[in-house]
Amino acid sequence: MEDCLFCKIANKKIESEIILENDYFLVFSDIHPKANIHFLIVPKQHIKSVDDVMDGDELVLGKIFTTAKEAAKKLGVSGAYRLGVNVGKDGGQEIEHIHMHLLSDKTRKGVEKL
């Protein structure tokens, strides 16, 4: 999607504090953090929301949890974080690109950017 903020970040057209990248996802800091640590796990593939998930998206969406685990480890919050997905404007989703929030109230340790 040309207008999608997260697609622009995934395509490196907009700079962001990326702490993890793999074939399927980028993990970067939320610009409006709701916790000491607040990162977004965003698929490179554009899917508008959970309501728009289709057959065939299972591989990517299954990998979101292994990516979350890897990001939590890198951030030094393994075992002390929460994950959340908002669906639709009325459900709190601000950007129409599926993403997962990784939040922790622990203090952030020094994490190298990519």
Protein backbone atom coordinates (compact mmCIF):
# COMPACT_ATOMS: atom_id res chain seq x y z
CA MET A 1 0.00 0.00 0.00
CA GLU A 2 1.51 3.30 -1.10
CA ASP A 3 -0.07 5.44 1.64
CA CYS A 4 0.51 3.04 4.52
CA LEU A 5 2.88 4.41 7.17
CA PHE A 6 4.06 0.94 8.22
CA CYS A 7 4.68 -0.11 4.61
CA LYS A 8 6.82 3.01 4.18
CA ILE A 9 8.80 2.09 7.29
CA ALA A 10 9.14 -1.53 6.11
CA ASN A 11 10.42 -0.28 2.73
CA LYS A 12 12.86 2.07 4.52
CA LYS A 13 11.21 5.18 3.05
CA ILE A 14 10.69 6.50 6.59
CA GLU A 15 13.36 6.16 9.26
CA SER A 16 12.53 4.42 12.52
CA GLU A 17 14.37 2.91 15.49
CA ILE A 18 14.49 -0.66 14.19
CA ILE A 19 15.82 -3.12 16.75
CA LEU A 20 15.07 -6.31 14.85
CA GLU A 21 14.39 -7.28 11.26
CA ASN A 22 13.86 -10.65 9.63
CA ASP A 23 12.31 -11.87 6.38
CA TYR A 24 8.77 -11.26 7.62
CA PHE A 25 8.86 -8.45 10.21
CA LEU A 26 10.35 -5.23 11.45
CA VAL A 27 10.37 -4.42 15.15
CA PHE A 28 10.62 -0.74 15.97
CA SER A 29 9.78 1.67 18.76
CA ASP A 30 6.29 3.07 19.14
CA ILE A 31 6.30 6.88 18.83
CA HIS A 32 3.63 7.12 21.56
CA PRO A 33 4.87 4.62 24.17
CA LYS A 34 2.42 3.33 26.76
CA ALA A 35 5.13 1.61 28.85
CA ASN A 36 8.86 1.89 29.58
CA ILE A 37 9.39 -0.45 26.64
CA HIS A 38 6.91 -0.25 23.78
CA PHE A 39 7.80 -1.70 20.40
CA LEU A 40 5.71 -2.66 17.39
CA ILE A 41 6.09 -5.93 15.53
CA VAL A 42 4.98 -5.15 11.99
CA PRO A 43 4.78 -7.61 9.11
CA LYS A 44 6.40 -6.50 5.88
CA GLN A 45 3.34 -7.91 4.12
CA HIS A 46 0.43 -5.47 4.17
CA ILE A 47 -2.60 -6.88 5.94
CA LYS A 48 -5.08 -4.21 7.04
CA SER A 49 -6.23 -5.84 10.30
CA VAL A 50 -7.06 -9.15 11.94
CA ASP A 51 -10.47 -8.89 10.25
CA ASP A 52 -8.66 -8.99 6.89
CA VAL A 53 -6.52 -12.08 7.56
CA MET A 54 -6.97 -14.67 4.82
CA ASP A 55 -6.10 -18.33 4.33
CA GLY A 56 -2.43 -18.36 3.49
CA ASP A 57 -1.48 -15.71 6.06
CA GLU A 58 -0.96 -18.32 8.78
CA LEU A 59 2.79 -18.69 8.24
CA VAL A 60 3.48 -14.98 8.60
CA LEU A 61 1.13 -14.54 11.53
CA GLY A 62 2.48 -17.61 13.30
CA LYS A 63 5.97 -16.18 13.04
CA ILE A 64 4.86 -13.00 14.80
CA PHE A 65 5.16 -14.85 18.12
CA THR A 66 8.68 -16.15 17.49
CA THR A 67 9.65 -12.63 16.41
CA ALA A 68 8.10 -11.23 19.61
CA LYS A 69 10.07 -13.73 21.68
CA GLU A 70 13.31 -12.80 19.89
CA ALA A 71 12.64 -9.06 20.31
CA ALA A 72 11.84 -9.49 24.02
CA LYS A 73 15.11 -11.34 24.51
CA LYS A 74 17.04 -8.63 22.67
CA LEU A 75 15.34 -5.96 24.78
CA GLY A 76 16.17 -7.84 27.98
CA VAL A 77 12.54 -8.39 29.00
CA SER A 78 12.06 -12.13 28.43
CA GLY A 79 9.37 -13.38 30.80
CA ALA A 80 8.27 -9.84 31.71
CA TYR A 81 6.29 -8.41 28.80
CA ARG A 82 2.84 -8.35 27.30
CA LEU A 83 1.62 -8.51 23.72
CA GLY A 84 -1.43 -6.86 22.24
CA VAL A 85 -3.24 -6.52 18.94
CA ASN A 86 -5.90 -3.88 18.36
CA VAL A 87 -8.53 -4.44 15.65
CA GLY A 88 -10.27 -1.57 13.89
CA LYS A 89 -10.58 2.08 14.91
CA ASP A 90 -13.14 1.28 17.60
CA GLY A 91 -10.75 -1.37 18.94
CA GLY A 92 -7.89 1.11 19.21
CA GLN A 93 -6.09 0.35 15.92
CA GLU A 94 -4.65 3.65 14.69
CA ILE A 95 -2.74 2.42 11.63
CA GLU A 96 -4.52 0.19 9.10
CA HIS A 97 -1.70 -2.36 8.95
CA ILE A 98 -1.82 -5.33 11.29
CA HIS A 99 0.77 -5.12 14.07
CA MET A 100 1.47 -6.40 17.54
CA HIS A 101 2.52 -4.28 20.51
CA LEU A 102 5.30 -5.54 22.77
CA LEU A 103 5.20 -3.70 26.10
CA SER A 104 7.10 -4.01 29.35
CA ASP A 105 7.38 -1.91 32.47
CA LYS A 106 10.97 -3.04 32.99
CA THR A 107 13.68 -0.45 32.41
CA ARG A 108 15.24 -0.70 28.99
CA LYS A 109 18.78 -1.97 28.89
CA GLY A 110 21.17 -0.76 26.20
CA VAL A 111 19.94 -2.22 22.92
CA GLU A 112 21.85 -1.77 19.73
CA LYS A 113 19.96 -0.53 16.69
CA LEU A 114 20.32 -2.52 13.48
